[in-house]
Amino acid sequence: MAKVQSEKDRSLNQVKLRGRISGEKREKVLPSGDSVLEFRLVVKRDDDGYDTLDIAAWKAAIRKRALALADQEWVEVTGVIRRRFWNSPGGLSSRWQVEARELVRL
């Protein structure tokens, strides 16, 4: 009997964004003891509009670099898209955010 091979996984989760830091950065310590820094990045759309994206920095070096950035400063963020889940008073909640793996001041 011939062995059936499964199809090769061709998925890719990789993001590179350039934009301006927007608003306050929020550093949180989670119940697990992990720390995360969250901030927003404003990027231009191809239709002349703008999107504001949630960015999460988990690694200590990325958090430190992000904390040193000023509002409206230009940066490049490389990372992956993650969907985060948590229990809220209304039940299970979720949101999408970019998990920063690299952060470079432009």
PDB file of N, CA and C in Angstrom:
ATOM      1  N   MET A   1       0.836  -1.172   0.000  1.00  0.00           N
ATOM      2  CA  MET A   1       0.000   0.000   0.000  1.00  0.00           C
ATOM      3  C   MET A   1       0.885   1.241   0.000  1.00  0.00           C
ATOM      4  N   ALA A   2       0.579   2.214  -0.836  1.00  0.00           N
ATOM      5  CA  ALA A   2       1.392   3.425  -0.957  1.00  0.00           C
ATOM      6  C   ALA A   2       1.132   4.355   0.220  1.00  0.00           C
ATOM      7  N   LYS A   3       2.194   4.971   0.679  1.00  0.00           N
ATOM      8  CA  LYS A   3       2.094   5.916   1.789  1.00  0.00           C
ATOM      9  C   LYS A   3       1.606   7.263   1.245  1.00  0.00           C
ATOM     10  N   VAL A   4       0.573   7.813   1.846  1.00  0.00           N
ATOM     11  CA  VAL A   4       0.026   9.097   1.423  1.00  0.00           C
ATOM     12  C   VAL A   4       0.737  10.199   2.197  1.00  0.00           C
ATOM     13  N   GLN A   5       1.318  11.149   1.466  1.00  0.00           N
ATOM     14  CA  GLN A   5       1.993  12.271   2.114  1.00  0.00           C
ATOM     15  C   GLN A   5       1.028  13.440   2.236  1.00  0.00           C
ATOM     16  N   SER A   6       1.071  14.094   3.371  1.00  0.00           N
ATOM     17  CA  SER A   6       0.219  15.259   3.555  1.00  0.00           C
ATOM     18  C   SER A   6       0.813  16.449   2.815  1.00  0.00           C
ATOM     19  N   GLU A   7      -0.036  17.384   2.481  1.00  0.00           N
ATOM     20  CA  GLU A   7       0.388  18.582   1.764  1.00  0.00           C
ATOM     21  C   GLU A   7       1.331  19.406   2.637  1.00  0.00           C
ATOM     22  N   LYS A   8       2.340  19.975   2.021  1.00  0.00           N
ATOM     23  CA  LYS A   8       3.303  20.814   2.729  1.00  0.00           C
ATOM     24  C   LYS A   8       2.619  22.089   3.227  1.00  0.00           C
ATOM     25  N   ASP A   9       2.888  22.452   4.462  1.00  0.00           N
ATOM     26  CA  ASP A   9       2.333  23.676   5.044  1.00  0.00           C
ATOM     27  C   ASP A   9       3.074  24.876   4.470  1.00  0.00           C
ATOM     28  N   ARG A  10       2.387  25.721   3.767  1.00  0.00           N
ATOM     29  CA  ARG A  10       2.990  26.896   3.120  1.00  0.00           C
ATOM     30  C   ARG A  10       2.588  28.209   3.800  1.00  0.00           C
ATOM     31  N   SER A  11       2.051  28.099   4.995  1.00  0.00           N
ATOM     32  CA  SER A  11       1.592  29.303   5.684  1.00  0.00           C
ATOM     33  C   SER A  11       2.774  30.161   6.134  1.00  0.00           C
ATOM     34  N   LEU A  12       2.501  31.438   6.308  1.00  0.00           N
ATOM     35  CA  LEU A  12       3.523  32.392   6.728  1.00  0.00           C
ATOM     36  C   LEU A  12       2.857  33.467   7.574  1.00  0.00           C
ATOM     37  N   ASN A  13       3.430  33.756   8.727  1.00  0.00           N
ATOM     38  CA  ASN A  13       2.937  34.815   9.596  1.00  0.00           C
ATOM     39  C   ASN A  13       4.121  35.728   9.859  1.00  0.00           C
ATOM     40  N   GLN A  14       4.241  36.776   9.047  1.00  0.00           N
ATOM     41  CA  GLN A  14       5.368  37.701   9.139  1.00  0.00           C
ATOM     42  C   GLN A  14       4.869  39.083   8.744  1.00  0.00           C
ATOM     43  N   VAL A  15       5.192  40.083   9.569  1.00  0.00           N
ATOM     44  CA  VAL A  15       4.708  41.437   9.358  1.00  0.00           C
ATOM     45  C   VAL A  15       5.874  42.403   9.437  1.00  0.00           C
ATOM     46  N   LYS A  16       5.890  43.374   8.522  1.00  0.00           N
ATOM     47  CA  LYS A  16       6.843  44.486   8.608  1.00  0.00           C
ATOM     48  C   LYS A  16       6.040  45.764   8.403  1.00  0.00           C
ATOM     49  N   LEU A  17       6.111  46.643   9.390  1.00  0.00           N
ATOM     50  CA  LEU A  17       5.344  47.888   9.372  1.00  0.00           C
ATOM     51  C   LEU A  17       6.269  49.067   9.612  1.00  0.00           C
ATOM     52  N   ARG A  18       5.973  50.178   8.965  1.00  0.00           N
ATOM     53  CA  ARG A  18       6.643  51.450   9.250  1.00  0.00           C
ATOM     54  C   ARG A  18       5.569  52.473   9.525  1.00  0.00           C
ATOM     55  N   GLY A  19       5.727  53.173  10.624  1.00  0.00           N
ATOM     56  CA  GLY A  19       4.735  54.176  10.972  1.00  0.00           C
ATOM     57  C   GLY A  19       5.196  55.011  12.151  1.00  0.00           C
ATOM     58  N   ARG A  20       4.239  55.765  12.688  1.00  0.00           N
ATOM     59  CA  ARG A  20       4.522  56.659  13.818  1.00  0.00           C
ATOM     60  C   ARG A  20       3.890  56.116  15.093  1.00  0.00           C
ATOM     61  N   ILE A  21       4.643  56.229  16.181  1.00  0.00           N
ATOM     62  CA  ILE A  21       4.125  55.885  17.506  1.00  0.00           C
ATOM     63  C   ILE A  21       2.967  56.833  17.811  1.00  0.00           C
ATOM     64  N   SER A  22       1.895  56.312  18.388  1.00  0.00           N
ATOM     65  CA  SER A  22       0.730  57.140  18.683  1.00  0.00           C
ATOM     66  C   SER A  22       0.282  56.936  20.123  1.00  0.00           C
ATOM     67  N   GLY A  23       0.249  58.022  20.878  1.00  0.00           N
ATOM     68  CA  GLY A  23      -0.299  57.973  22.228  1.00  0.00           C
ATOM     69  C   GLY A  23       0.640  57.383  23.264  1.00  0.00           C
ATOM     70  N   GLU A  24       0.042  57.072  24.399  1.00  0.00           N
ATOM     71  CA  GLU A  24       0.791  56.553  25.536  1.00  0.00           C
ATOM     72  C   GLU A  24       1.115  55.071  25.370  1.00  0.00           C
ATOM     73  N   LYS A  25       2.250  54.686  25.884  1.00  0.00           N
ATOM     74  CA  LYS A  25       2.625  53.275  25.947  1.00  0.00           C
ATOM     75  C   LYS A  25       2.176  52.751  27.312  1.00  0.00           C
ATOM     76  N   ARG A  26       1.707  51.486  27.341  1.00  0.00           N
ATOM     77  CA  ARG A  26       1.225  50.897  28.589  1.00  0.00           C
ATOM     78  C   ARG A  26       2.009  49.636  28.888  1.00  0.00           C
ATOM     79  N   GLU A  27       2.665  49.609  30.044  1.00  0.00           N
ATOM     80  CA  GLU A  27       3.380  48.409  30.460  1.00  0.00           C
ATOM     81  C   GLU A  27       2.523  47.684  31.495  1.00  0.00           C
ATOM     82  N   LYS A  28       2.323  46.382  31.274  1.00  0.00           N
ATOM     83  CA  LYS A  28       1.472  45.595  32.156  1.00  0.00           C
ATOM     84  C   LYS A  28       2.229  44.372  32.653  1.00  0.00           C
ATOM     85  N   VAL A  29       1.962  44.009  33.888  1.00  0.00           N
ATOM     86  CA  VAL A  29       2.441  42.740  34.428  1.00  0.00           C
ATOM     87  C   VAL A  29       1.210  41.840  34.519  1.00  0.00           C
ATOM     88  N   LEU A  30       1.276  40.706  33.843  1.00  0.00           N
ATOM     89  CA  LEU A  30       0.146  39.787  33.778  1.00  0.00           C
ATOM     90  C   LEU A  30       0.115  38.881  35.004  1.00  0.00           C
ATOM     91  N   PRO A  31      -1.030  38.242  35.278  1.00  0.00           N
ATOM     92  CA  PRO A  31      -1.114  37.326  36.417  1.00  0.00           C
ATOM     93  C   PRO A  31      -0.032  36.232  36.386  1.00  0.00           C
ATOM     94  N   SER A  32       0.443  35.895  35.180  1.00  0.00           N
ATOM     95  CA  SER A  32       1.493  34.878  35.049  1.00  0.00           C
ATOM     96  C   SER A  32       2.856  35.395  35.507  1.00  0.00           C
ATOM     97  N   GLY A  33       2.966  36.738  35.683  1.00  0.00           N
ATOM     98  CA  GLY A  33       4.243  37.350  36.041  1.00  0.00           C
ATOM     99  C   GLY A  33       4.979  37.914  34.834  1.00  0.00           C
ATOM    100  N   ASP A  34       4.518  37.577  33.627  1.00  0.00           N
ATOM    101  CA  ASP A  34       5.130  38.113  32.408  1.00  0.00           C
ATOM    102  C   ASP A  34       4.807  39.595  32.261  1.00  0.00           C
ATOM    103  N   SER A  35       5.738  40.341  31.654  1.00  0.00           N
ATOM    104  CA  SER A  35       5.522  41.760  31.374  1.00  0.00           C
ATOM    105  C   SER A  35       5.354  41.961  29.880  1.00  0.00           C
ATOM    106  N   VAL A  36       4.490  42.897  29.535  1.00  0.00           N
ATOM    107  CA  VAL A  36       4.275  43.258  28.138  1.00  0.00           C
ATOM    108  C   VAL A  36       4.109  44.771  28.054  1.00  0.00           C
ATOM    109  N   LEU A  37       4.652  45.349  26.994  1.00  0.00           N
ATOM    110  CA  LEU A  37       4.470  46.770  26.721  1.00  0.00           C
ATOM    111  C   LEU A  37       3.599  46.881  25.485  1.00  0.00           C
ATOM    112  N   GLU A  38       2.508  47.616  25.594  1.00  0.00           N
ATOM    113  CA  GLU A  38       1.604  47.798  24.461  1.00  0.00           C
ATOM    114  C   GLU A  38       1.619  49.252  24.027  1.00  0.00           C
ATOM    115  N   PHE A  39       1.620  49.427  22.713  1.00  0.00           N
ATOM    116  CA  PHE A  39       1.554  50.774  22.147  1.00  0.00           C
ATOM    117  C   PHE A  39       0.860  50.703  20.800  1.00  0.00           C
ATOM    118  N   ARG A  40       0.596  51.853  20.233  1.00  0.00           N
ATOM    119  CA  ARG A  40      -0.091  51.908  18.939  1.00  0.00           C
ATOM    120  C   ARG A  40       0.824  52.503  17.881  1.00  0.00           C
ATOM    121  N   LEU A  41       0.638  52.001  16.670  1.00  0.00           N
ATOM    122  CA  LEU A  41       1.415  52.450  15.518  1.00  0.00           C
ATOM    123  C   LEU A  41       0.424  52.880  14.439  1.00  0.00           C
ATOM    124  N   VAL A  42       0.598  54.088  13.915  1.00  0.00           N
ATOM    125  CA  VAL A  42      -0.250  54.596  12.840  1.00  0.00           C
ATOM    126  C   VAL A  42       0.480  54.385  11.525  1.00  0.00           C
ATOM    127  N   VAL A  43      -0.189  53.669  10.604  1.00  0.00           N
ATOM    128  CA  VAL A  43       0.386  53.375   9.284  1.00  0.00           C
ATOM    129  C   VAL A  43      -0.568  53.855   8.199  1.00  0.00           C
ATOM    130  N   LYS A  44       0.006  54.277   7.079  1.00  0.00           N
ATOM    131  CA  LYS A  44      -0.780  54.773   5.946  1.00  0.00           C
ATOM    132  C   LYS A  44      -1.309  53.604   5.138  1.00  0.00           C
ATOM    133  N   ARG A  45      -2.534  53.724   4.686  1.00  0.00           N
ATOM    134  CA  ARG A  45      -3.135  52.751   3.770  1.00  0.00           C
ATOM    135  C   ARG A  45      -2.789  53.141   2.338  1.00  0.00           C
ATOM    136  N   ASP A  46      -3.033  52.226   1.416  1.00  0.00           N
ATOM    137  CA  ASP A  46      -2.787  52.566   0.019  1.00  0.00           C
ATOM    138  C   ASP A  46      -3.899  53.426  -0.574  1.00  0.00           C
ATOM    139  N   ASP A  47      -5.007  53.629   0.161  1.00  0.00           N
ATOM    140  CA  ASP A  47      -6.108  54.484  -0.320  1.00  0.00           C
ATOM    141  C   ASP A  47      -6.092  55.863   0.346  1.00  0.00           C
ATOM    142  N   ASP A  48      -4.965  56.283   0.862  1.00  0.00           N
ATOM    143  CA  ASP A  48      -4.763  57.573   1.533  1.00  0.00           C
ATOM    144  C   ASP A  48      -5.393  57.656   2.915  1.00  0.00           C
ATOM    145  N   GLY A  49      -5.911  56.567   3.424  1.00  0.00           N
ATOM    146  CA  GLY A  49      -6.403  56.535   4.796  1.00  0.00           C
ATOM    147  C   GLY A  49      -5.290  56.074   5.731  1.00  0.00           C
ATOM    148  N   TYR A  50      -5.644  55.926   6.983  1.00  0.00           N
ATOM    149  CA  TYR A  50      -4.674  55.479   7.991  1.00  0.00           C
ATOM    150  C   TYR A  50      -5.301  54.406   8.866  1.00  0.00           C
ATOM    151  N   ASP A  51      -4.467  53.506   9.368  1.00  0.00           N
ATOM    152  CA  ASP A  51      -4.878  52.501  10.340  1.00  0.00           C
ATOM    153  C   ASP A  51      -4.045  52.678  11.592  1.00  0.00           C
ATOM    154  N   THR A  52      -4.653  52.440  12.741  1.00  0.00           N
ATOM    155  CA  THR A  52      -3.948  52.428  14.008  1.00  0.00           C
ATOM    156  C   THR A  52      -3.908  50.983  14.479  1.00  0.00           C
ATOM    157  N   LEU A  53      -2.696  50.438  14.635  1.00  0.00           N
ATOM    158  CA  LEU A  53      -2.514  49.033  14.958  1.00  0.00           C
ATOM    159  C   LEU A  53      -1.956  48.868  16.364  1.00  0.00           C
ATOM    160  N   ASP A  54      -2.439  47.845  17.067  1.00  0.00           N
ATOM    161  CA  ASP A  54      -1.935  47.530  18.400  1.00  0.00           C
ATOM    162  C   ASP A  54      -0.667  46.694  18.283  1.00  0.00           C
ATOM    163  N   ILE A  55       0.385  47.127  18.988  1.00  0.00           N
ATOM    164  CA  ILE A  55       1.669  46.434  18.993  1.00  0.00           C
ATOM    165  C   ILE A  55       1.948  45.974  20.424  1.00  0.00           C
ATOM    166  N   ALA A  56       2.461  44.759  20.555  1.00  0.00           N
ATOM    167  CA  ALA A  56       2.840  44.217  21.864  1.00  0.00           C
ATOM    168  C   ALA A  56       4.317  43.859  21.845  1.00  0.00           C
ATOM    169  N   ALA A  57       5.048  44.321  22.844  1.00  0.00           N
ATOM    170  CA  ALA A  57       6.478  44.011  22.984  1.00  0.00           C
ATOM    171  C   ALA A  57       6.654  43.154  24.230  1.00  0.00           C
ATOM    172  N   TRP A  58       7.024  41.889  24.032  1.00  0.00           N
ATOM    173  CA  TRP A  58       7.186  40.941  25.130  1.00  0.00           C
ATOM    174  C   TRP A  58       8.633  40.823  25.581  1.00  0.00           C
ATOM    175  N   LYS A  59       9.571  40.879  24.658  1.00  0.00           N
ATOM    176  CA  LYS A  59      10.988  40.727  25.003  1.00  0.00           C
ATOM    177  C   LYS A  59      11.481  41.974  25.723  1.00  0.00           C
ATOM    178  N   ALA A  60      12.292  41.789  26.764  1.00  0.00           N
ATOM    179  CA  ALA A  60      12.775  42.908  27.587  1.00  0.00           C
ATOM    180  C   ALA A  60      13.510  43.952  26.744  1.00  0.00           C
ATOM    181  N   ALA A  61      14.347  43.529  25.813  1.00  0.00           N
ATOM    182  CA  ALA A  61      15.110  44.476  24.989  1.00  0.00           C
ATOM    183  C   ALA A  61      14.193  45.316  24.106  1.00  0.00           C
ATOM    184  N   ILE A  62      13.145  44.715  23.571  1.00  0.00           N
ATOM    185  CA  ILE A  62      12.187  45.446  22.723  1.00  0.00           C
ATOM    186  C   ILE A  62      11.368  46.406  23.581  1.00  0.00           C
ATOM    187  N   ARG A  63      10.963  45.966  24.780  1.00  0.00           N
ATOM    188  CA  ARG A  63      10.214  46.861  25.679  1.00  0.00           C
ATOM    189  C   ARG A  63      11.048  48.083  26.024  1.00  0.00           C
ATOM    190  N   LYS A  64      12.309  47.866  26.349  1.00  0.00           N
ATOM    191  CA  LYS A  64      13.201  48.978  26.720  1.00  0.00           C
ATOM    192  C   LYS A  64      13.348  49.961  25.553  1.00  0.00           C
ATOM    193  N   ARG A  65      13.551  49.435  24.353  1.00  0.00           N
ATOM    194  CA  ARG A  65      13.703  50.283  23.171  1.00  0.00           C
ATOM    195  C   ARG A  65      12.424  51.074  22.903  1.00  0.00           C
ATOM    196  N   ALA A  66      11.272  50.424  23.042  1.00  0.00           N
ATOM    197  CA  ALA A  66       9.990  51.084  22.795  1.00  0.00           C
ATOM    198  C   ALA A  66       9.705  52.174  23.827  1.00  0.00           C
ATOM    199  N   LEU A  67      10.075  51.930  25.084  1.00  0.00           N
ATOM    200  CA  LEU A  67       9.850  52.941  26.126  1.00  0.00           C
ATOM    201  C   LEU A  67      10.624  54.230  25.862  1.00  0.00           C
ATOM    202  N   ALA A  68      11.738  54.122  25.139  1.00  0.00           N
ATOM    203  CA  ALA A  68      12.561  55.298  24.851  1.00  0.00           C
ATOM    204  C   ALA A  68      12.023  56.134  23.678  1.00  0.00           C
ATOM    205  N   LEU A  69      11.000  55.637  22.989  1.00  0.00           N
ATOM    206  CA  LEU A  69      10.465  56.338  21.827  1.00  0.00           C
ATOM    207  C   LEU A  69       9.458  57.409  22.236  1.00  0.00           C
ATOM    208  N   ALA A  70       9.467  58.504  21.511  1.00  0.00           N
ATOM    209  CA  ALA A  70       8.532  59.602  21.770  1.00  0.00           C
ATOM    210  C   ALA A  70       7.285  59.445  20.896  1.00  0.00           C
ATOM    211  N   ASP A  71       6.199  60.063  21.342  1.00  0.00           N
ATOM    212  CA  ASP A  71       4.970  60.104  20.558  1.00  0.00           C
ATOM    213  C   ASP A  71       5.279  60.713  19.183  1.00  0.00           C
ATOM    214  N   GLN A  72       4.731  60.134  18.132  1.00  0.00           N
ATOM    215  CA  GLN A  72       4.880  60.561  16.733  1.00  0.00           C
ATOM    216  C   GLN A  72       6.241  60.221  16.116  1.00  0.00           C
ATOM    217  N   GLU A  73       7.083  59.515  16.844  1.00  0.00           N
ATOM    218  CA  GLU A  73       8.380  59.119  16.300  1.00  0.00           C
ATOM    219  C   GLU A  73       8.188  57.982  15.290  1.00  0.00           C
ATOM    220  N   TRP A  74       8.981  58.013  14.202  1.00  0.00           N
ATOM    221  CA  TRP A  74       8.933  56.987  13.167  1.00  0.00           C
ATOM    222  C   TRP A  74       9.710  55.746  13.596  1.00  0.00           C
ATOM    223  N   VAL A  75       9.089  54.567  13.374  1.00  0.00           N
ATOM    224  CA  VAL A  75       9.740  53.302  13.680  1.00  0.00           C
ATOM    225  C   VAL A  75       9.387  52.255  12.617  1.00  0.00           C
ATOM    226  N   GLU A  76      10.202  51.209  12.591  1.00  0.00           N
ATOM    227  CA  GLU A  76       9.882  50.028  11.798  1.00  0.00           C
ATOM    228  C   GLU A  76       9.739  48.861  12.767  1.00  0.00           C
ATOM    229  N   VAL A  77       8.623  48.164  12.658  1.00  0.00           N
ATOM    230  CA  VAL A  77       8.328  47.021  13.511  1.00  0.00           C
ATOM    231  C   VAL A  77       8.267  45.777  12.635  1.00  0.00           C
ATOM    232  N   THR A  78       9.017  44.756  13.014  1.00  0.00           N
ATOM    233  CA  THR A  78       8.942  43.454  12.365  1.00  0.00           C
ATOM    234  C   THR A  78       8.417  42.474  13.398  1.00  0.00           C
ATOM    235  N   GLY A  79       7.457  41.663  12.999  1.00  0.00           N
ATOM    236  CA  GLY A  79       6.898  40.726  13.956  1.00  0.00           C
ATOM    237  C   GLY A  79       5.911  39.763  13.344  1.00  0.00           C
ATOM    238  N   VAL A  80       4.965  39.324  14.156  1.00  0.00           N
ATOM    239  CA  VAL A  80       3.941  38.365  13.746  1.00  0.00           C
ATOM    240  C   VAL A  80       2.585  38.815  14.290  1.00  0.00           C
ATOM    241  N   ILE A  81       1.524  38.370  13.649  1.00  0.00           N
ATOM    242  CA  ILE A  81       0.177  38.693  14.107  1.00  0.00           C
ATOM    243  C   ILE A  81      -0.265  37.607  15.092  1.00  0.00           C
ATOM    244  N   ARG A  82      -0.825  38.055  16.217  1.00  0.00           N
ATOM    245  CA  ARG A  82      -1.315  37.141  17.244  1.00  0.00           C
ATOM    246  C   ARG A  82      -2.746  37.534  17.629  1.00  0.00           C
ATOM    247  N   ARG A  83      -3.548  36.548  17.944  1.00  0.00           N
ATOM    248  CA  ARG A  83      -4.873  36.796  18.505  1.00  0.00           C
ATOM    249  C   ARG A  83      -4.810  36.422  19.970  1.00  0.00           C
ATOM    250  N   ARG A  84      -5.077  37.380  20.833  1.00  0.00           N
ATOM    251  CA  ARG A  84      -5.020  37.184  22.284  1.00  0.00           C
ATOM    252  C   ARG A  84      -6.430  36.955  22.827  1.00  0.00           C
ATOM    253  N   PHE A  85      -6.557  36.025  23.744  1.00  0.00           N
ATOM    254  CA  PHE A  85      -7.833  35.697  24.384  1.00  0.00           C
ATOM    255  C   PHE A  85      -7.727  35.929  25.887  1.00  0.00           C
ATOM    256  N   TRP A  86      -8.816  36.353  26.500  1.00  0.00           N
ATOM    257  CA  TRP A  86      -8.871  36.496  27.952  1.00  0.00           C
ATOM    258  C   TRP A  86     -10.331  36.454  28.392  1.00  0.00           C
ATOM    259  N   ASN A  87     -10.526  36.170  29.671  1.00  0.00           N
ATOM    260  CA  ASN A  87     -11.870  36.174  30.243  1.00  0.00           C
ATOM    261  C   ASN A  87     -12.195  37.568  30.735  1.00  0.00           C
ATOM    262  N   SER A  88     -13.344  38.075  30.308  1.00  0.00           N
ATOM    263  CA  SER A  88     -13.812  39.389  30.745  1.00  0.00           C
ATOM    264  C   SER A  88     -15.170  39.203  31.424  1.00  0.00           C
ATOM    265  N   PRO A  89     -15.691  40.239  32.071  1.00  0.00           N
ATOM    266  CA  PRO A  89     -16.998  40.095  32.728  1.00  0.00           C
ATOM    267  C   PRO A  89     -18.103  39.639  31.759  1.00  0.00           C
ATOM    268  N   GLY A  90     -17.953  39.957  30.471  1.00  0.00           N
ATOM    269  CA  GLY A  90     -18.947  39.562  29.480  1.00  0.00           C
ATOM    270  C   GLY A  90     -18.683  38.209  28.841  1.00  0.00           C
ATOM    271  N   GLY A  91     -17.642  37.525  29.289  1.00  0.00           N
ATOM    272  CA  GLY A  91     -17.297  36.226  28.709  1.00  0.00           C
ATOM    273  C   GLY A  91     -15.934  36.274  28.045  1.00  0.00           C
ATOM    274  N   LEU A  92     -15.681  35.318  27.182  1.00  0.00           N
ATOM    275  CA  LEU A  92     -14.391  35.247  26.497  1.00  0.00           C
ATOM    276  C   LEU A  92     -14.255  36.400  25.511  1.00  0.00           C
ATOM    277  N   SER A  93     -13.134  37.117  25.582  1.00  0.00           N
ATOM    278  CA  SER A  93     -12.854  38.238  24.689  1.00  0.00           C
ATOM    279  C   SER A  93     -11.563  37.963  23.930  1.00  0.00           C
ATOM    280  N   SER A  94     -11.392  38.670  22.806  1.00  0.00           N
ATOM    281  CA  SER A  94     -10.156  38.524  22.039  1.00  0.00           C
ATOM    282  C   SER A  94      -9.872  39.797  21.270  1.00  0.00           C
ATOM    283  N   ARG A  95      -8.630  39.906  20.823  1.00  0.00           N
ATOM    284  CA  ARG A  95      -8.244  40.992  19.931  1.00  0.00           C
ATOM    285  C   ARG A  95      -6.999  40.567  19.177  1.00  0.00           C
ATOM    286  N   TRP A  96      -6.793  41.206  18.038  1.00  0.00           N
ATOM    287  CA  TRP A  96      -5.614  40.967  17.212  1.00  0.00           C
ATOM    288  C   TRP A  96      -4.577  42.024  17.525  1.00  0.00           C
ATOM    289  N   GLN A  97      -3.312  41.632  17.542  1.00  0.00           N
ATOM    290  CA  GLN A  97      -2.232  42.590  17.711  1.00  0.00           C
ATOM    291  C   GLN A  97      -0.978  42.050  17.023  1.00  0.00           C
ATOM    292  N   VAL A  98      -0.063  42.960  16.774  1.00  0.00           N
ATOM    293  CA  VAL A  98       1.221  42.585  16.210  1.00  0.00           C
ATOM    294  C   VAL A  98       2.191  42.386  17.360  1.00  0.00           C
ATOM    295  N   GLU A  99       2.805  41.208  17.424  1.00  0.00           N
ATOM    296  CA  GLU A  99       3.834  40.932  18.426  1.00  0.00           C
ATOM    297  C   GLU A  99       5.175  41.350  17.835  1.00  0.00           C
ATOM    298  N   ALA A 100       5.773  42.395  18.395  1.00  0.00           N
ATOM    299  CA  ALA A 100       7.032  42.932  17.868  1.00  0.00           C
ATOM    300  C   ALA A 100       8.196  41.993  18.183  1.00  0.00           C
ATOM    301  N   ARG A 101       8.937  41.631  17.153  1.00  0.00           N
ATOM    302  CA  ARG A 101      10.141  40.825  17.322  1.00  0.00           C
ATOM    303  C   ARG A 101      11.388  41.674  17.133  1.00  0.00           C
ATOM    304  N   GLU A 102      11.241  42.748  16.344  1.00  0.00           N
ATOM    305  CA  GLU A 102      12.312  43.733  16.122  1.00  0.00           C
ATOM    306  C   GLU A 102      11.680  45.105  16.105  1.00  0.00           C
ATOM    307  N   LEU A 103      12.415  46.102  16.578  1.00  0.00           N
ATOM    308  CA  LEU A 103      11.934  47.480  16.604  1.00  0.00           C
ATOM    309  C   LEU A 103      13.116  48.385  16.313  1.00  0.00           C
ATOM    310  N   VAL A 104      12.981  49.192  15.252  1.00  0.00           N
ATOM    311  CA  VAL A 104      14.084  50.054  14.827  1.00  0.00           C
ATOM    312  C   VAL A 104      13.560  51.490  14.677  1.00  0.00           C
ATOM    313  N   ARG A 105      14.267  52.420  15.288  1.00  0.00           N
ATOM    314  CA  ARG A 105      13.952  53.849  15.141  1.00  0.00           C
ATOM    315  C   ARG A 105      14.402  54.288  13.741  1.00  0.00           C
ATOM    316  N   LEU A 106      13.549  55.021  13.036  1.00  0.00           N
ATOM    317  CA  LEU A 106      13.896  55.495  11.685  1.00  0.00           C
ATOM    318  C   LEU A 106      14.345  56.942  11.687  1.00  0.00           C
TER     319      LEU A 106
END
